[in-house]
């Protein structure tokens, strides 16, 4: 399993996930830069993603939805804040409605994705920062940790294929 550590800090309003992948930094970053590749690993296996708009450049909005086992769709978006290819990027991440518009009543976060070379591959560090401890607790209660572990668990197999 690629996830090696998960730290939840309600005082700092963050969740930090560290994972290691058996591929170079450029290859791991490339998954996030290409919507067709990202669809293979974003979201847990039971809720595959479809990216509708994807342009990993600062100022752009990336939109997607995940489809559940019964066909239900859950929208999301990323507002791209910065990109430092292939070392990482930062986005504002939120929930979206059926038309992929932001749902302001749901929690949003600022997410930093960082990739660094390690012996034999890449260490990825994902830090999600929430505006309130309640917002962080809400997504934890929704299963964000379990979903992230399941999604990231698909990356090594995808890279090996």
N, C-alpha and C. Protein backbone atom coordinates (compact mmCIF):
# COMPACT_ATOMS: atom_id res chain seq x y z
N UNK A 1 0.84 -1.18 0.00
CA UNK A 1 0.00 0.00 0.00
C UNK A 1 0.89 1.24 0.00
N UNK A 2 0.68 2.15 -0.93
CA UNK A 2 1.54 3.32 -1.03
C UNK A 2 1.46 4.29 0.14
N UNK A 3 0.30 4.41 0.81
CA UNK A 3 0.18 5.35 1.91
C UNK A 3 0.98 4.83 3.10
N UNK A 4 1.94 5.65 3.54
CA UNK A 4 2.79 5.23 4.67
C UNK A 4 2.46 5.98 5.95
N UNK A 5 1.72 7.12 5.85
CA UNK A 5 1.40 7.88 7.05
C UNK A 5 0.23 8.82 6.78
N UNK A 6 -0.63 8.96 7.79
CA UNK A 6 -1.73 9.93 7.76
C UNK A 6 -1.72 10.64 9.09
N UNK A 7 -1.66 11.97 9.04
CA UNK A 7 -1.67 12.79 10.24
C UNK A 7 -2.87 13.74 10.16
N UNK A 8 -3.74 13.67 11.16
CA UNK A 8 -4.89 14.58 11.24
C UNK A 8 -4.64 15.52 12.41
N UNK A 9 -4.73 16.82 12.15
CA UNK A 9 -4.46 17.82 13.19
C UNK A 9 -5.62 18.81 13.22
N UNK A 10 -6.56 18.59 14.14
CA UNK A 10 -7.73 19.47 14.24
C UNK A 10 -7.33 20.88 14.67
N UNK A 11 -6.28 21.01 15.48
CA UNK A 11 -5.85 22.35 15.91
C UNK A 11 -5.32 23.16 14.73
N UNK A 12 -4.56 22.51 13.85
CA UNK A 12 -4.02 23.20 12.67
C UNK A 12 -4.97 23.11 11.48
N UNK A 13 -6.04 22.30 11.62
CA UNK A 13 -7.08 22.13 10.58
C UNK A 13 -6.50 21.50 9.30
N UNK A 14 -5.63 20.49 9.49
CA UNK A 14 -4.99 19.85 8.35
C UNK A 14 -5.07 18.33 8.43
N UNK A 15 -5.01 17.73 7.25
CA UNK A 15 -4.77 16.30 7.14
C UNK A 15 -3.59 16.18 6.17
N UNK A 16 -2.58 15.42 6.59
CA UNK A 16 -1.38 15.23 5.78
C UNK A 16 -1.24 13.75 5.49
N UNK A 17 -1.16 13.42 4.21
CA UNK A 17 -1.01 12.03 3.78
C UNK A 17 0.33 11.91 3.07
N UNK A 18 1.12 10.94 3.48
CA UNK A 18 2.40 10.67 2.84
C UNK A 18 2.33 9.30 2.18
N UNK A 19 2.75 9.26 0.93
CA UNK A 19 2.72 8.00 0.17
C UNK A 19 4.04 7.87 -0.59
N UNK A 20 4.38 6.64 -0.91
CA UNK A 20 5.58 6.38 -1.72
C UNK A 20 5.20 5.52 -2.91
N UNK A 21 5.75 5.91 -4.07
CA UNK A 21 5.44 5.23 -5.31
C UNK A 21 6.73 4.79 -6.00
N UNK A 22 6.65 3.66 -6.68
CA UNK A 22 7.81 3.07 -7.35
C UNK A 22 7.93 3.61 -8.77
N UNK A 23 8.07 4.94 -8.87
CA UNK A 23 8.23 5.59 -10.18
C UNK A 23 8.89 6.95 -9.94
N UNK A 24 9.55 7.48 -10.97
CA UNK A 24 10.19 8.78 -10.82
C UNK A 24 9.16 9.91 -10.61
N UNK A 25 9.63 11.00 -10.05
CA UNK A 25 8.79 12.16 -9.78
C UNK A 25 8.03 12.61 -11.04
N UNK A 26 8.72 12.67 -12.16
CA UNK A 26 8.09 13.14 -13.40
C UNK A 26 6.90 12.26 -13.79
N UNK A 27 7.05 10.96 -13.57
CA UNK A 27 5.98 10.03 -13.93
C UNK A 27 4.78 10.20 -13.00
N UNK A 28 5.03 10.36 -11.69
CA UNK A 28 3.93 10.53 -10.74
C UNK A 28 3.22 11.86 -11.01
N UNK A 29 3.98 12.94 -11.20
CA UNK A 29 3.37 14.23 -11.52
C UNK A 29 2.53 14.11 -12.80
N UNK A 30 3.03 13.36 -13.76
CA UNK A 30 2.34 13.20 -15.04
C UNK A 30 0.93 12.65 -14.91
N UNK A 31 0.69 11.84 -13.90
CA UNK A 31 -0.66 11.31 -13.67
C UNK A 31 -1.62 12.46 -13.41
N UNK A 32 -1.21 13.42 -12.58
CA UNK A 32 -2.08 14.54 -12.22
C UNK A 32 -2.22 15.55 -13.36
N UNK A 33 -1.22 15.61 -14.24
CA UNK A 33 -1.25 16.54 -15.35
C UNK A 33 -2.11 16.06 -16.52
N UNK A 34 -2.44 14.79 -16.55
CA UNK A 34 -3.19 14.20 -17.67
C UNK A 34 -4.53 13.68 -17.16
N UNK A 35 -5.63 14.28 -17.59
CA UNK A 35 -6.94 13.87 -17.05
C UNK A 35 -7.29 12.41 -17.30
N UNK A 36 -6.87 11.84 -18.42
CA UNK A 36 -7.21 10.43 -18.70
C UNK A 36 -6.46 9.51 -17.75
N UNK A 37 -5.24 9.86 -17.39
CA UNK A 37 -4.51 9.06 -16.40
C UNK A 37 -5.10 9.27 -15.01
N UNK A 38 -5.39 10.52 -14.68
CA UNK A 38 -5.91 10.84 -13.36
C UNK A 38 -7.24 10.13 -13.10
N UNK A 39 -8.04 9.96 -14.14
CA UNK A 39 -9.32 9.24 -13.99
C UNK A 39 -9.11 7.82 -13.48
N UNK A 40 -7.97 7.24 -13.76
CA UNK A 40 -7.70 5.85 -13.37
C UNK A 40 -7.42 5.70 -11.88
N UNK A 41 -7.06 6.83 -11.21
CA UNK A 41 -6.64 6.72 -9.81
C UNK A 41 -7.32 7.73 -8.88
N UNK A 42 -8.10 8.65 -9.40
CA UNK A 42 -8.74 9.65 -8.54
C UNK A 42 -10.08 9.09 -8.07
N UNK A 43 -10.24 9.05 -6.81
CA UNK A 43 -11.44 8.45 -6.23
C UNK A 43 -11.20 6.99 -5.93
N UNK A 44 -11.89 6.48 -4.93
CA UNK A 44 -11.73 5.05 -4.61
C UNK A 44 -12.25 4.19 -5.75
N UNK A 45 -11.84 2.93 -5.81
CA UNK A 45 -12.25 2.05 -6.91
C UNK A 45 -13.76 1.95 -7.09
N UNK A 46 -14.52 2.11 -6.01
CA UNK A 46 -15.98 2.03 -6.10
C UNK A 46 -16.60 3.30 -6.66
N UNK A 47 -15.82 4.38 -6.79
CA UNK A 47 -16.32 5.67 -7.25
C UNK A 47 -15.34 6.27 -8.27
N UNK A 48 -15.25 5.69 -9.47
CA UNK A 48 -14.29 6.20 -10.46
C UNK A 48 -14.62 7.64 -10.87
N UNK A 49 -13.57 8.36 -11.24
CA UNK A 49 -13.71 9.78 -11.60
C UNK A 49 -13.77 9.96 -13.11
N UNK A 50 -14.45 11.02 -13.51
CA UNK A 50 -14.46 11.51 -14.88
C UNK A 50 -14.12 12.98 -14.82
N UNK A 51 -13.03 13.37 -15.48
CA UNK A 51 -12.65 14.78 -15.51
C UNK A 51 -13.28 15.43 -16.73
N UNK A 52 -14.02 16.49 -16.49
CA UNK A 52 -14.73 17.20 -17.55
C UNK A 52 -13.85 18.32 -18.11
N UNK A 53 -13.32 19.14 -17.23
CA UNK A 53 -12.40 20.21 -17.59
C UNK A 53 -11.10 19.95 -16.84
N UNK A 54 -9.97 20.04 -17.54
CA UNK A 54 -8.69 19.79 -16.88
C UNK A 54 -7.60 20.58 -17.58
N UNK A 55 -7.08 21.56 -16.89
CA UNK A 55 -5.97 22.36 -17.36
C UNK A 55 -5.15 22.72 -16.13
N UNK A 56 -4.08 22.01 -15.90
CA UNK A 56 -3.28 22.19 -14.69
C UNK A 56 -2.35 23.39 -14.86
N UNK A 57 -2.97 24.57 -14.95
CA UNK A 57 -2.23 25.83 -14.99
C UNK A 57 -2.87 26.79 -14.00
N UNK A 58 -2.04 27.65 -13.38
CA UNK A 58 -2.58 28.60 -12.40
C UNK A 58 -3.72 29.43 -13.00
N UNK A 59 -4.77 29.58 -12.20
CA UNK A 59 -5.92 30.37 -12.62
C UNK A 59 -7.02 29.56 -13.27
N UNK A 60 -6.75 28.30 -13.61
CA UNK A 60 -7.78 27.49 -14.27
C UNK A 60 -8.61 26.74 -13.24
N UNK A 61 -9.76 26.27 -13.69
CA UNK A 61 -10.63 25.43 -12.86
C UNK A 61 -10.71 24.05 -13.50
N UNK A 62 -10.44 23.05 -12.69
CA UNK A 62 -10.57 21.65 -13.09
C UNK A 62 -11.87 21.14 -12.48
N UNK A 63 -12.71 20.50 -13.29
CA UNK A 63 -13.96 19.95 -12.77
C UNK A 63 -14.02 18.46 -13.06
N UNK A 64 -14.69 17.76 -12.15
CA UNK A 64 -14.81 16.32 -12.29
C UNK A 64 -16.02 15.84 -11.49
N UNK A 65 -16.39 14.61 -11.74
CA UNK A 65 -17.38 13.95 -10.88
C UNK A 65 -16.94 12.50 -10.68
N UNK A 66 -17.36 11.96 -9.56
CA UNK A 66 -17.14 10.55 -9.27
C UNK A 66 -18.49 9.86 -9.36
N UNK A 67 -18.50 8.67 -9.90
CA UNK A 67 -19.73 7.92 -10.08
C UNK A 67 -19.74 6.74 -9.12
N UNK A 68 -20.80 6.67 -8.31
CA UNK A 68 -20.94 5.60 -7.33
C UNK A 68 -21.48 4.33 -7.94
N UNK A 69 -21.52 3.26 -7.17
CA UNK A 69 -21.94 1.95 -7.66
C UNK A 69 -23.36 1.92 -8.21
N UNK A 70 -24.22 2.80 -7.73
CA UNK A 70 -25.61 2.84 -8.20
C UNK A 70 -25.82 3.92 -9.26
N UNK A 71 -24.72 4.49 -9.78
CA UNK A 71 -24.82 5.51 -10.81
C UNK A 71 -24.92 6.93 -10.28
N UNK A 72 -24.93 7.11 -8.96
CA UNK A 72 -25.00 8.45 -8.39
C UNK A 72 -23.71 9.21 -8.69
N UNK A 73 -23.82 10.52 -8.91
CA UNK A 73 -22.65 11.33 -9.27
C UNK A 73 -22.38 12.37 -8.18
N UNK A 74 -21.09 12.52 -7.87
CA UNK A 74 -20.63 13.46 -6.87
C UNK A 74 -19.61 14.39 -7.53
N UNK A 75 -19.95 15.66 -7.63
CA UNK A 75 -19.10 16.62 -8.32
C UNK A 75 -18.03 17.22 -7.43
N UNK A 76 -16.97 17.66 -8.08
CA UNK A 76 -15.89 18.34 -7.39
C UNK A 76 -15.17 19.28 -8.34
N UNK A 77 -14.39 20.18 -7.76
CA UNK A 77 -13.60 21.10 -8.58
C UNK A 77 -12.30 21.43 -7.86
N UNK A 78 -11.33 21.81 -8.67
CA UNK A 78 -10.07 22.36 -8.18
C UNK A 78 -9.86 23.70 -8.87
N UNK A 79 -9.60 24.74 -8.10
CA UNK A 79 -9.11 26.00 -8.66
C UNK A 79 -7.60 25.95 -8.49
N UNK A 80 -6.89 25.95 -9.61
CA UNK A 80 -5.44 25.79 -9.58
C UNK A 80 -4.79 27.09 -9.12
N UNK A 81 -4.04 27.01 -8.02
CA UNK A 81 -3.37 28.16 -7.43
C UNK A 81 -1.96 28.30 -7.99
N UNK A 82 -1.20 27.19 -7.97
CA UNK A 82 0.18 27.24 -8.46
C UNK A 82 0.60 25.87 -8.96
N UNK A 83 1.59 25.88 -9.85
CA UNK A 83 2.15 24.64 -10.39
C UNK A 83 3.65 24.80 -10.46
N UNK A 84 4.36 23.80 -9.94
CA UNK A 84 5.82 23.74 -9.98
C UNK A 84 6.19 22.36 -10.53
N UNK A 85 5.95 22.17 -11.82
CA UNK A 85 6.15 20.87 -12.44
C UNK A 85 7.63 20.50 -12.44
N UNK A 86 7.97 19.28 -12.12
CA UNK A 86 7.15 18.15 -11.70
C UNK A 86 7.10 17.98 -10.18
N UNK A 87 7.44 19.04 -9.47
CA UNK A 87 7.59 18.92 -8.02
C UNK A 87 6.30 19.06 -7.24
N UNK A 88 5.25 19.59 -7.89
CA UNK A 88 3.98 19.69 -7.18
C UNK A 88 3.09 20.79 -7.70
N UNK A 89 1.98 20.93 -7.00
CA UNK A 89 1.01 21.97 -7.33
C UNK A 89 0.11 22.20 -6.13
N UNK A 90 -0.65 23.30 -6.19
CA UNK A 90 -1.58 23.64 -5.13
C UNK A 90 -2.92 24.03 -5.75
N UNK A 91 -3.99 23.55 -5.13
CA UNK A 91 -5.33 23.84 -5.61
C UNK A 91 -6.25 24.18 -4.44
N UNK A 92 -7.31 24.93 -4.75
CA UNK A 92 -8.44 25.05 -3.84
C UNK A 92 -9.43 23.97 -4.28
N UNK A 93 -9.82 23.12 -3.36
CA UNK A 93 -10.61 21.92 -3.66
C UNK A 93 -11.98 22.06 -3.02
N UNK A 94 -13.02 21.77 -3.79
CA UNK A 94 -14.35 21.86 -3.23
C UNK A 94 -15.33 20.90 -3.85
N UNK A 95 -16.50 20.84 -3.26
CA UNK A 95 -17.60 20.02 -3.75
C UNK A 95 -18.37 20.82 -4.80
N UNK A 96 -18.95 20.11 -5.76
CA UNK A 96 -19.72 20.75 -6.82
C UNK A 96 -21.08 20.09 -6.98
N UNK A 97 -22.00 20.84 -7.56
CA UNK A 97 -23.34 20.32 -7.82
C UNK A 97 -23.36 19.54 -9.14
N UNK A 98 -24.55 19.16 -9.57
CA UNK A 98 -24.69 18.36 -10.80
C UNK A 98 -24.17 19.08 -12.04
N UNK A 99 -24.18 20.42 -12.01
CA UNK A 99 -23.65 21.20 -13.13
C UNK A 99 -22.19 21.59 -12.93
N UNK A 100 -21.57 21.02 -11.90
CA UNK A 100 -20.16 21.22 -11.54
C UNK A 100 -19.87 22.65 -11.09
N UNK A 101 -20.87 23.29 -10.49
CA UNK A 101 -20.68 24.60 -9.86
C UNK A 101 -20.39 24.37 -8.38
N UNK A 102 -19.55 25.23 -7.77
CA UNK A 102 -19.22 25.05 -6.36
C UNK A 102 -20.46 25.04 -5.46
N UNK A 103 -20.43 24.17 -4.45
CA UNK A 103 -21.47 24.11 -3.43
C UNK A 103 -20.88 24.81 -2.20
N UNK A 104 -21.30 26.04 -1.99
CA UNK A 104 -20.70 26.87 -0.93
C UNK A 104 -21.01 26.34 0.47
N UNK A 105 -22.07 25.56 0.62
CA UNK A 105 -22.44 25.05 1.94
C UNK A 105 -21.59 23.84 2.38
N UNK A 106 -20.79 23.33 1.47
CA UNK A 106 -19.91 22.20 1.78
C UNK A 106 -18.50 22.70 2.05
N UNK A 107 -17.72 21.93 2.83
CA UNK A 107 -16.36 22.38 3.13
C UNK A 107 -15.46 22.40 1.89
N UNK A 108 -14.57 23.37 1.87
CA UNK A 108 -13.54 23.41 0.84
C UNK A 108 -12.20 23.45 1.55
N UNK A 109 -11.15 23.21 0.79
CA UNK A 109 -9.81 23.17 1.39
C UNK A 109 -8.79 23.69 0.39
N UNK A 110 -7.62 23.99 0.89
CA UNK A 110 -6.47 24.27 0.05
C UNK A 110 -5.59 23.04 0.13
N UNK A 111 -5.26 22.47 -1.03
CA UNK A 111 -4.50 21.22 -1.08
C UNK A 111 -3.17 21.44 -1.77
N UNK A 112 -2.13 20.99 -1.10
CA UNK A 112 -0.78 21.03 -1.65
C UNK A 112 -0.35 19.61 -1.98
N UNK A 113 0.08 19.39 -3.20
CA UNK A 113 0.60 18.11 -3.66
C UNK A 113 2.09 18.31 -3.91
N UNK A 114 2.95 17.60 -3.19
CA UNK A 114 4.40 17.74 -3.36
C UNK A 114 5.00 16.37 -3.66
N UNK A 115 5.94 16.35 -4.62
CA UNK A 115 6.59 15.12 -5.04
C UNK A 115 8.10 15.30 -4.94
N UNK A 116 8.75 14.36 -4.24
CA UNK A 116 10.20 14.43 -4.11
C UNK A 116 10.81 13.07 -4.40
N UNK A 117 11.99 13.07 -5.03
CA UNK A 117 12.63 11.79 -5.33
C UNK A 117 13.15 11.13 -4.06
N UNK A 118 12.98 9.83 -4.01
CA UNK A 118 13.58 9.01 -2.96
C UNK A 118 14.24 7.83 -3.68
N UNK A 119 15.04 7.09 -2.95
CA UNK A 119 15.69 5.93 -3.54
C UNK A 119 14.64 4.98 -4.09
N UNK A 120 14.64 4.80 -5.39
CA UNK A 120 13.71 3.87 -6.01
C UNK A 120 12.34 4.43 -6.35
N UNK A 121 12.14 5.75 -6.22
CA UNK A 121 10.82 6.26 -6.57
C UNK A 121 10.54 7.68 -6.12
N UNK A 122 9.31 7.87 -5.66
CA UNK A 122 8.82 9.20 -5.31
C UNK A 122 8.10 9.15 -3.97
N UNK A 123 8.38 10.15 -3.15
CA UNK A 123 7.58 10.37 -1.94
C UNK A 123 6.63 11.51 -2.26
N UNK A 124 5.34 11.25 -2.08
CA UNK A 124 4.31 12.26 -2.30
C UNK A 124 3.75 12.68 -0.95
N UNK A 125 3.63 13.98 -0.76
CA UNK A 125 3.04 14.52 0.45
C UNK A 125 1.87 15.38 0.06
N UNK A 126 0.70 15.04 0.57
CA UNK A 126 -0.54 15.74 0.28
C UNK A 126 -1.01 16.40 1.57
N UNK A 127 -1.12 17.72 1.56
CA UNK A 127 -1.58 18.44 2.74
C UNK A 127 -2.86 19.19 2.38
N UNK A 128 -3.93 18.88 3.08
CA UNK A 128 -5.20 19.58 2.91
C UNK A 128 -5.43 20.45 4.13
N UNK A 129 -5.67 21.74 3.90
CA UNK A 129 -5.90 22.71 4.97
C UNK A 129 -7.33 23.22 4.88
N UNK A 130 -8.03 23.20 5.99
CA UNK A 130 -9.44 23.60 6.05
C UNK A 130 -9.60 24.89 6.83
N UNK A 131 -10.64 25.67 6.53
CA UNK A 131 -10.82 26.96 7.22
C UNK A 131 -11.20 26.81 8.69
N UNK A 132 -11.82 25.68 9.04
CA UNK A 132 -12.24 25.46 10.43
C UNK A 132 -12.01 24.00 10.81
N UNK A 133 -11.89 23.74 12.10
CA UNK A 133 -11.78 22.37 12.58
C UNK A 133 -13.06 21.60 12.26
N UNK A 134 -14.20 22.29 12.28
CA UNK A 134 -15.48 21.65 11.97
C UNK A 134 -15.52 21.17 10.51
N UNK A 135 -14.98 21.98 9.61
CA UNK A 135 -14.94 21.59 8.20
C UNK A 135 -14.07 20.35 8.01
N UNK A 136 -12.91 20.34 8.68
CA UNK A 136 -12.04 19.17 8.61
C UNK A 136 -12.75 17.95 9.19
N UNK A 137 -13.39 18.11 10.33
CA UNK A 137 -14.09 16.98 10.94
C UNK A 137 -15.21 16.47 10.04
N UNK A 138 -15.89 17.37 9.34
CA UNK A 138 -16.98 16.97 8.44
C UNK A 138 -16.45 16.05 7.34
N UNK A 139 -15.33 16.41 6.72
CA UNK A 139 -14.82 15.55 5.64
C UNK A 139 -14.22 14.27 6.19
N UNK A 140 -13.65 14.33 7.40
CA UNK A 140 -13.18 13.09 8.01
C UNK A 140 -14.35 12.15 8.27
N UNK A 141 -15.47 12.70 8.75
CA UNK A 141 -16.67 11.89 8.99
C UNK A 141 -17.24 11.33 7.69
N UNK A 142 -17.01 12.03 6.58
CA UNK A 142 -17.48 11.58 5.27
C UNK A 142 -16.58 10.49 4.69
N UNK A 143 -15.45 10.21 5.34
CA UNK A 143 -14.57 9.13 4.89
C UNK A 143 -13.42 9.56 4.00
N UNK A 144 -12.99 10.83 4.08
CA UNK A 144 -11.91 11.29 3.20
C UNK A 144 -10.62 10.49 3.39
N UNK A 145 -10.31 10.09 4.60
CA UNK A 145 -9.07 9.33 4.81
C UNK A 145 -9.16 7.96 4.12
N UNK A 146 -10.25 7.26 4.34
CA UNK A 146 -10.41 5.93 3.73
C UNK A 146 -10.46 6.04 2.20
N UNK A 147 -11.16 7.06 1.70
CA UNK A 147 -11.24 7.26 0.25
C UNK A 147 -9.88 7.57 -0.35
N UNK A 148 -9.10 8.41 0.33
CA UNK A 148 -7.76 8.75 -0.17
C UNK A 148 -6.85 7.52 -0.16
N UNK A 149 -6.91 6.73 0.90
CA UNK A 149 -6.09 5.51 0.96
C UNK A 149 -6.45 4.58 -0.21
N UNK A 150 -7.74 4.40 -0.45
CA UNK A 150 -8.17 3.50 -1.53
C UNK A 150 -7.75 4.05 -2.89
N UNK A 151 -7.91 5.36 -3.09
CA UNK A 151 -7.54 5.96 -4.37
C UNK A 151 -6.04 5.84 -4.61
N UNK A 152 -5.25 6.23 -3.62
CA UNK A 152 -3.79 6.17 -3.78
C UNK A 152 -3.29 4.74 -3.90
N UNK A 153 -4.04 3.81 -3.35
CA UNK A 153 -3.69 2.41 -3.46
C UNK A 153 -3.72 1.89 -4.89
N UNK A 154 -4.37 2.62 -5.78
CA UNK A 154 -4.46 2.23 -7.19
C UNK A 154 -3.26 2.70 -8.01
N UNK A 155 -2.49 3.66 -7.49
CA UNK A 155 -1.46 4.31 -8.29
C UNK A 155 -0.33 3.37 -8.66
N UNK A 156 0.17 2.55 -7.73
CA UNK A 156 1.27 1.64 -8.07
C UNK A 156 0.87 0.68 -9.18
N UNK A 157 -0.32 0.10 -9.08
CA UNK A 157 -0.78 -0.82 -10.13
C UNK A 157 -0.90 -0.10 -11.48
N UNK A 158 -1.41 1.13 -11.46
CA UNK A 158 -1.54 1.90 -12.69
C UNK A 158 -0.15 2.16 -13.29
N UNK A 159 0.81 2.55 -12.44
CA UNK A 159 2.15 2.83 -12.92
C UNK A 159 2.83 1.58 -13.48
N UNK A 160 2.53 0.43 -12.91
CA UNK A 160 3.15 -0.82 -13.36
C UNK A 160 2.55 -1.33 -14.66
N UNK A 161 1.34 -0.91 -14.97
CA UNK A 161 0.64 -1.42 -16.18
C UNK A 161 1.23 -0.86 -17.46
